[in-house]
Amino acid sequence: MITRYVYGRGTWIDLEHPTEQEVREIAREFSIGERFEMELLSPTPTPLAASEGDTSFLVIHFPTHGASDGETLDQEIDIAIGDAFIITAHYEVVDPLHHLQKLLETQKLIAPKTVLETGILLEIIFAHLYVAVRNHTDHVATHLTHIEHEMFNGLERTTVRAISNVSREFLHIEAALANQEGALDRFLRTLALRRPSDTALADRSERIRAERAQVMRLVMTYRAVATELRETNASLLEARQNEIMRALTTITVLVLPLELIAVIFGMHAPGAPFMQNPNAFLIIITIMLVLSGSMMILFARRHWLF
């Protein structure tokens, strides 16, 4: 599907699920080389920046939330830019580009004579893409806040997997942004070399770099928070386990002497005490209660029970 927006000195062509015929049609119209035409036809697994004639080309991947919890997917966007056009191609619906199209359609109705050059269009496109990444990051961070509340409310056992899922999402987002850096920098430097006198383009390029760097710092900060929460959760689990082990040990220490007394007085060996005493059972029970009571008082004073 081809969507076209014309703004006097700049034209934006968006190709969504492009067919071979659509790509060849756009390539002929804007004199795009065969190499870039082939890149537009098929997905490219790694970032790429290249230049040919008056056209600069960029393949970049942006992280987006997957269908399941903790899943992050990469969406490829191919960008070809010339003096008076920008072409974006993607093989699935990219929400920030779809949202931008709706905004431009509304703006076209309000101010139909708006003039935008390619540098402005490029900055607007990247701004929407990085805002989407920031929103995704903030959404994951909100989930991290809920996990923190649950963790300190005694649910540290159930939050182990949730923290791992959040950490995995932050890791994937950070990896995607890190992979962008080299190709994006080469792409922007190529544009600057083609237009050395265009100071406005240089400023826009710096703002695009700053957007990526800002989102990168945000993701790294939240990832550090997730790492600290994981360590805190592990400490809470260890403390809870220690409390359980202390309680079990205390019960064992209380029960062992009682079992020993029961075994001793349960022996029917000649000369065993209280064998002929009709109150033997009550005497033995009294001894057990006194012993267990004394031990519990001792443990309580030493704070082994509470």
Foldseek 3Di string as FASTA:
>chain_A
DWDWDAAPQAIEIEAEQHDLVRLVVVCVVVVPDPVVSVPLHDPDPAWAWDDDDQKTKIKAWAWDDDDDQLDIDIWIWIWIDGFHYIYIYTHHDDVLVVVVVVVVVVVCVVPVNHHDGPLVVVLSSLVSRLVNLLVRLVVLLVLVVVLLVCLVVPNLVVSLVVLVSSLSNLVVRLVRLVSVPPNLVVRLVVVCVVPVPPVVSVVSSVVSVVSSVVSNVSSVVSSVVSVVVNVVSVVVVVVVVVLVVLQVVLVCVLVVVLVVLCVQQVDPDPPRPPPVPPCVVVVSVVVSVVVSVVSVVVCVVVVSND
